[in-house]
Amino acid sequence: MEVDQRGRFVSSALEPVTERDLAEVERQLGRPPRAIRAIAHRCPSGHPSVIQTRPRLEDGTPFPTLYYLTCPRLCALVSRLEAGGVMREMTERLATDPPLAEAYLRAHRDYLAERNAIEPLGTEVSAGGMPGRVKCLHVHVAHALASGPGVNPFGDEALDRLADSWPAGDCAAEAGQIGS
């Protein structure tokens, strides 16, 4: 597993989903995962933290969320950021910071290009409110972890804000899951 310049673990490529991964993601989510296609990122403990999903659910329903955050510890930390009003502040900055708005537009285009390479949905809707607002920080963190630093500015920013809390420790082992 690679570590970026900020000390975050990054995946170098998508990984096939194993039966163990499926069981772990189901445990993380509290339900069977839908449309899982690959493991896009793992936490330092080795369990999936981001999955890549297919653009359509098994019944054909469009599912535009390409990257889905599954790590319960990271999800809880991101939820705290959201509850603190960070999404509103990020959205406001889009109107006053043209380079940030341009970087966010590039993230939106990157997301669409990746999803469309798997299966076009015929829509310009990506995820998380891109490119005009920040609606779901979980999506941006998942995109940043799956794609690496420099792709999604708000995902990178959220991870920087959480750097003292995640990744830290052996979160899956703490929960008694890895190796059991």
C-alpha atoms as a PDB file:
ATOM      1  CA  MET A   1       0.000   0.000   0.000  1.00  0.00           C
ATOM      2  CA  GLU A   2       1.385   3.412  -0.956  1.00  0.00           C
ATOM      3  CA  VAL A   3       1.517   6.473   1.314  1.00  0.00           C
ATOM      4  CA  ASP A   4       1.117   9.961  -0.177  1.00  0.00           C
ATOM      5  CA  GLN A   5       3.037  13.107   0.795  1.00  0.00           C
ATOM      6  CA  ARG A   6       0.493  13.786   3.555  1.00  0.00           C
ATOM      7  CA  GLY A   7       0.939  10.341   5.085  1.00  0.00           C
ATOM      8  CA  ARG A   8      -2.396   9.032   3.771  1.00  0.00           C
ATOM      9  CA  PHE A   9      -2.659   5.534   2.413  1.00  0.00           C
ATOM     10  CA  VAL A  10      -3.588   5.490  -1.261  1.00  0.00           C
ATOM     11  CA  SER A  11      -4.506   2.644  -3.555  1.00  0.00           C
ATOM     12  CA  SER A  12      -2.514   2.358  -6.737  1.00  0.00           C
ATOM     13  CA  ALA A  13      -5.268   0.501  -8.596  1.00  0.00           C
ATOM     14  CA  LEU A  14      -8.704  -0.960  -8.215  1.00  0.00           C
ATOM     15  CA  GLU A  15      -8.727  -4.407  -6.646  1.00  0.00           C
ATOM     16  CA  PRO A  16     -11.094  -7.284  -7.379  1.00  0.00           C
ATOM     17  CA  VAL A  17     -13.671  -7.950  -4.679  1.00  0.00           C
ATOM     18  CA  THR A  18     -13.133 -11.118  -2.669  1.00  0.00           C
ATOM     19  CA  GLU A  19     -15.714 -13.003  -0.621  1.00  0.00           C
ATOM     20  CA  ARG A  20     -13.960 -11.673   2.495  1.00  0.00           C
ATOM     21  CA  ASP A  21     -14.293  -8.116   1.154  1.00  0.00           C
ATOM     22  CA  LEU A  22     -18.001  -8.641   0.486  1.00  0.00           C
ATOM     23  CA  ALA A  23     -18.510  -9.897   4.031  1.00  0.00           C
ATOM     24  CA  GLU A  24     -16.542  -6.975   5.486  1.00  0.00           C
ATOM     25  CA  VAL A  25     -18.413  -4.363   3.444  1.00  0.00           C
ATOM     26  CA  GLU A  26     -21.722  -5.926   4.479  1.00  0.00           C
ATOM     27  CA  ARG A  27     -20.600  -5.704   8.113  1.00  0.00           C
ATOM     28  CA  GLN A  28     -19.510  -2.088   7.631  1.00  0.00           C
ATOM     29  CA  LEU A  29     -22.752  -1.028   5.975  1.00  0.00           C
ATOM     30  CA  GLY A  30     -25.083  -3.193   8.044  1.00  0.00           C
ATOM     31  CA  ARG A  31     -26.624  -4.512   4.813  1.00  0.00           C
ATOM     32  CA  PRO A  32     -25.460  -6.281   1.669  1.00  0.00           C
ATOM     33  CA  PRO A  33     -23.628  -3.911  -0.681  1.00  0.00           C
ATOM     34  CA  ARG A  34     -25.322  -3.032  -3.955  1.00  0.00           C
ATOM     35  CA  ALA A  35     -23.639  -2.990  -7.345  1.00  0.00           C
ATOM     36  CA  ILE A  36     -20.135  -3.394  -5.914  1.00  0.00           C
ATOM     37  CA  ARG A  37     -17.584  -3.540  -8.714  1.00  0.00           C
ATOM     38  CA  ALA A  38     -14.158  -3.212  -7.051  1.00  0.00           C
ATOM     39  CA  ILE A  39     -12.278  -2.174  -3.944  1.00  0.00           C
ATOM     40  CA  ALA A  40     -11.025   1.348  -4.621  1.00  0.00           C
ATOM     41  CA  HIS A  41      -9.200   2.006  -1.325  1.00  0.00           C
ATOM     42  CA  ARG A  42      -8.261   0.184   1.855  1.00  0.00           C
ATOM     43  CA  CYS A  43      -7.593   1.612   5.290  1.00  0.00           C
ATOM     44  CA  PRO A  44      -4.287   0.884   7.031  1.00  0.00           C
ATOM     45  CA  SER A  45      -5.957  -2.124   8.675  1.00  0.00           C
ATOM     46  CA  GLY A  46      -6.456  -3.651   5.237  1.00  0.00           C
ATOM     47  CA  HIS A  47     -10.233  -3.618   5.123  1.00  0.00           C
ATOM     48  CA  PRO A  48     -12.139  -1.817   2.363  1.00  0.00           C
ATOM     49  CA  SER A  49     -12.697   1.876   3.026  1.00  0.00           C
ATOM     50  CA  VAL A  50     -14.003   2.813  -0.448  1.00  0.00           C
ATOM     51  CA  ILE A  51     -15.770   0.630  -2.974  1.00  0.00           C
ATOM     52  CA  GLN A  52     -16.358   1.367  -6.618  1.00  0.00           C
ATOM     53  CA  THR A  53     -19.912   0.635  -7.700  1.00  0.00           C
ATOM     54  CA  ARG A  54     -21.423  -0.090 -11.072  1.00  0.00           C
ATOM     55  CA  PRO A  55     -23.322   2.795 -12.690  1.00  0.00           C
ATOM     56  CA  ARG A  56     -26.521   0.741 -12.508  1.00  0.00           C
ATOM     57  CA  LEU A  57     -27.997  -1.425  -9.794  1.00  0.00           C
ATOM     58  CA  GLU A  58     -28.761  -5.058 -10.544  1.00  0.00           C
ATOM     59  CA  ASP A  59     -32.316  -4.123 -11.614  1.00  0.00           C
ATOM     60  CA  GLY A  60     -31.018  -1.514 -14.086  1.00  0.00           C
ATOM     61  CA  THR A  61     -31.759   1.540 -11.916  1.00  0.00           C
ATOM     62  CA  PRO A  62     -29.122   4.272 -12.446  1.00  0.00           C
ATOM     63  CA  PHE A  63     -26.733   4.545  -9.498  1.00  0.00           C
ATOM     64  CA  PRO A  64     -24.545   7.581 -10.175  1.00  0.00           C
ATOM     65  CA  THR A  65     -22.399   7.248  -7.031  1.00  0.00           C
ATOM     66  CA  LEU A  66     -19.236   5.667  -8.427  1.00  0.00           C
ATOM     67  CA  TYR A  67     -17.242   5.716  -5.176  1.00  0.00           C
ATOM     68  CA  TYR A  68     -18.874   4.816  -1.891  1.00  0.00           C
ATOM     69  CA  LEU A  69     -17.275   5.323   1.519  1.00  0.00           C
ATOM     70  CA  THR A  70     -17.666   2.205   3.670  1.00  0.00           C
ATOM     71  CA  CYS A  71     -15.260   2.588   6.609  1.00  0.00           C
ATOM     72  CA  PRO A  72     -17.508   3.209   9.649  1.00  0.00           C
ATOM     73  CA  ARG A  73     -14.825   5.135  11.495  1.00  0.00           C
ATOM     74  CA  LEU A  74     -14.161   7.460   8.576  1.00  0.00           C
ATOM     75  CA  CYS A  75     -17.890   7.818   7.825  1.00  0.00           C
ATOM     76  CA  ALA A  76     -18.483   8.976  11.398  1.00  0.00           C
ATOM     77  CA  LEU A  77     -15.652  11.506  11.206  1.00  0.00           C
ATOM     78  CA  VAL A  78     -16.932  12.884   7.892  1.00  0.00           C
ATOM     79  CA  SER A  79     -20.441  13.117   9.357  1.00  0.00           C
ATOM     80  CA  ARG A  80     -19.047  15.288  12.159  1.00  0.00           C
ATOM     81  CA  LEU A  81     -17.518  17.630   9.591  1.00  0.00           C
ATOM     82  CA  GLU A  82     -20.855  17.821   7.789  1.00  0.00           C
ATOM     83  CA  ALA A  83     -22.714  18.515  11.034  1.00  0.00           C
ATOM     84  CA  GLY A  84     -20.271  21.330  11.721  1.00  0.00           C
ATOM     85  CA  GLY A  85     -21.394  23.193   8.596  1.00  0.00           C
ATOM     86  CA  VAL A  86     -18.293  22.616   6.477  1.00  0.00           C
ATOM     87  CA  MET A  87     -20.305  21.867   3.320  1.00  0.00           C
ATOM     88  CA  ARG A  88     -22.017  25.250   3.437  1.00  0.00           C
ATOM     89  CA  GLU A  89     -18.664  26.982   3.894  1.00  0.00           C
ATOM     90  CA  MET A  90     -17.134  24.988   1.013  1.00  0.00           C
ATOM     91  CA  THR A  91     -20.059  25.822  -1.274  1.00  0.00           C
ATOM     92  CA  GLU A  92     -19.748  29.534  -0.435  1.00  0.00           C
ATOM     93  CA  ARG A  93     -16.054  29.435  -1.363  1.00  0.00           C
ATOM     94  CA  LEU A  94     -16.923  28.192  -4.852  1.00  0.00           C
ATOM     95  CA  ALA A  95     -18.458  31.613  -5.605  1.00  0.00           C
ATOM     96  CA  THR A  96     -15.409  33.578  -4.447  1.00  0.00           C
ATOM     97  CA  ASP A  97     -12.452  31.377  -5.410  1.00  0.00           C
ATOM     98  CA  PRO A  98     -12.262  30.809  -9.195  1.00  0.00           C
ATOM     99  CA  PRO A  99      -9.266  28.427  -9.050  1.00  0.00           C
ATOM    100  CA  LEU A 100     -11.113  26.289  -6.484  1.00  0.00           C
ATOM    101  CA  ALA A 101     -14.268  26.315  -8.612  1.00  0.00           C
ATOM    102  CA  GLU A 102     -12.219  25.240 -11.637  1.00  0.00           C
ATOM    103  CA  ALA A 103     -10.545  22.418  -9.670  1.00  0.00           C
ATOM    104  CA  TYR A 104     -13.967  21.268  -8.483  1.00  0.00           C
ATOM    105  CA  LEU A 105     -15.283  21.325 -12.057  1.00  0.00           C
ATOM    106  CA  ARG A 106     -12.293  19.171 -13.085  1.00  0.00           C
ATOM    107  CA  ALA A 107     -13.160  16.737 -10.263  1.00  0.00           C
ATOM    108  CA  HIS A 108     -16.724  16.557 -11.596  1.00  0.00           C
ATOM    109  CA  ARG A 109     -15.477  15.895 -15.121  1.00  0.00           C
ATOM    110  CA  ASP A 110     -13.016  13.269 -13.858  1.00  0.00           C
ATOM    111  CA  TYR A 111     -15.812  11.515 -11.967  1.00  0.00           C
ATOM    112  CA  LEU A 112     -18.076  11.514 -15.037  1.00  0.00           C
ATOM    113  CA  ALA A 113     -15.295  10.263 -17.300  1.00  0.00           C
ATOM    114  CA  GLU A 114     -14.502   7.371 -14.961  1.00  0.00           C
ATOM    115  CA  ARG A 115     -18.141   6.391 -14.595  1.00  0.00           C
ATOM    116  CA  ASN A 116     -18.867   6.765 -18.305  1.00  0.00           C
ATOM    117  CA  ALA A 117     -15.884   4.559 -19.145  1.00  0.00           C
ATOM    118  CA  ILE A 118     -17.676   1.774 -17.252  1.00  0.00           C
ATOM    119  CA  GLU A 119     -21.178   2.526 -18.510  1.00  0.00           C
ATOM    120  CA  PRO A 120     -22.577   5.873 -19.659  1.00  0.00           C
ATOM    121  CA  LEU A 121     -25.772   6.888 -17.877  1.00  0.00           C
ATOM    122  CA  GLY A 122     -26.602   9.656 -20.328  1.00  0.00           C
ATOM    123  CA  THR A 123     -26.519  12.318 -17.630  1.00  0.00           C
ATOM    124  CA  GLU A 124     -24.165  15.021 -16.470  1.00  0.00           C
ATOM    125  CA  VAL A 125     -25.099  14.327 -12.851  1.00  0.00           C
ATOM    126  CA  SER A 126     -22.070  13.051 -10.975  1.00  0.00           C
ATOM    127  CA  ALA A 127     -22.308  12.964  -7.184  1.00  0.00           C
ATOM    128  CA  GLY A 128     -22.012  15.052  -4.057  1.00  0.00           C
ATOM    129  CA  GLY A 129     -23.452  18.206  -5.623  1.00  0.00           C
ATOM    130  CA  MET A 130     -20.642  18.617  -8.161  1.00  0.00           C
ATOM    131  CA  PRO A 131     -19.912  20.971  -9.758  1.00  0.00           C
ATOM    132  CA  GLY A 132     -22.067  23.741  -8.260  1.00  0.00           C
ATOM    133  CA  ARG A 133     -22.240  22.893  -4.571  1.00  0.00           C
ATOM    134  CA  VAL A 134     -20.993  20.509  -1.910  1.00  0.00           C
ATOM    135  CA  LYS A 135     -23.880  18.231  -0.976  1.00  0.00           C
ATOM    136  CA  CYS A 136     -22.292  15.051   0.419  1.00  0.00           C
ATOM    137  CA  LEU A 137     -18.792  15.175   1.810  1.00  0.00           C
ATOM    138  CA  HIS A 138     -18.685  11.367   2.058  1.00  0.00           C
ATOM    139  CA  VAL A 139     -18.693  11.161  -1.759  1.00  0.00           C
ATOM    140  CA  HIS A 140     -15.843  13.652  -2.030  1.00  0.00           C
ATOM    141  CA  VAL A 141     -13.719  11.839   0.531  1.00  0.00           C
ATOM    142  CA  ALA A 142     -14.375   8.534  -1.250  1.00  0.00           C
ATOM    143  CA  HIS A 143     -13.437  10.107  -4.605  1.00  0.00           C
ATOM    144  CA  ALA A 144     -10.256  11.604  -3.134  1.00  0.00           C
ATOM    145  CA  LEU A 145      -9.173   8.298  -1.600  1.00  0.00           C
ATOM    146  CA  ALA A 146      -9.938   6.319  -4.753  1.00  0.00           C
ATOM    147  CA  SER A 147      -8.305   8.800  -7.138  1.00  0.00           C
ATOM    148  CA  GLY A 148      -5.433  10.075  -5.014  1.00  0.00           C
ATOM    149  CA  PRO A 149      -4.472  13.601  -3.971  1.00  0.00           C
ATOM    150  CA  GLY A 150      -5.062  16.519  -6.312  1.00  0.00           C
ATOM    151  CA  VAL A 151      -8.208  15.215  -8.020  1.00  0.00           C
ATOM    152  CA  ASN A 152     -11.009  16.286  -5.678  1.00  0.00           C
ATOM    153  CA  PRO A 153     -10.179  19.472  -3.762  1.00  0.00           C
ATOM    154  CA  PHE A 154     -12.941  19.133  -1.175  1.00  0.00           C
ATOM    155  CA  GLY A 155     -12.202  15.458  -0.586  1.00  0.00           C
ATOM    156  CA  ASP A 156      -8.533  16.348  -0.079  1.00  0.00           C
ATOM    157  CA  GLU A 157      -9.474  19.204   2.244  1.00  0.00           C
ATOM    158  CA  ALA A 158     -11.746  17.001   4.339  1.00  0.00           C
ATOM    159  CA  LEU A 159      -9.032  14.359   4.646  1.00  0.00           C
ATOM    160  CA  ASP A 160      -6.556  17.044   5.699  1.00  0.00           C
ATOM    161  CA  ARG A 161      -9.000  18.208   8.376  1.00  0.00           C
ATOM    162  CA  LEU A 162      -9.277  14.613   9.607  1.00  0.00           C
ATOM    163  CA  ALA A 163      -5.570  13.785   9.417  1.00  0.00           C
ATOM    164  CA  ASP A 164      -5.164  13.611  13.205  1.00  0.00           C
ATOM    165  CA  SER A 165      -8.047  11.130  13.456  1.00  0.00           C
ATOM    166  CA  TRP A 166      -7.835   9.010  10.292  1.00  0.00           C
ATOM    167  CA  PRO A 167      -6.031   6.954   9.265  1.00  0.00           C
ATOM    168  CA  ALA A 168      -4.866   6.251  12.773  1.00  0.00           C
ATOM    169  CA  GLY A 169      -4.640   2.995  14.585  1.00  0.00           C
ATOM    170  CA  ASP A 170      -5.787  -0.383  13.437  1.00  0.00           C
ATOM    171  CA  CYS A 171      -9.486   0.447  13.274  1.00  0.00           C
ATOM    172  CA  ALA A 172     -10.653  -2.874  11.872  1.00  0.00           C
ATOM    173  CA  ALA A 173      -8.595  -4.871  14.354  1.00  0.00           C
ATOM    174  CA  GLU A 174      -9.891  -2.625  17.153  1.00  0.00           C
ATOM    175  CA  ALA A 175     -13.374  -3.704  16.163  1.00  0.00           C
ATOM    176  CA  GLY A 176     -12.222  -7.331  16.226  1.00  0.00           C
ATOM    177  CA  GLN A 177     -12.826  -7.910  12.523  1.00  0.00           C
ATOM    178  CA  ILE A 178      -9.551  -8.349  10.657  1.00  0.00           C
ATOM    179  CA  GLY A 179      -7.874 -11.649  11.271  1.00  0.00           C
ATOM    180  CA  SER A 180     -10.869 -13.152  13.028  1.00  0.00           C
END
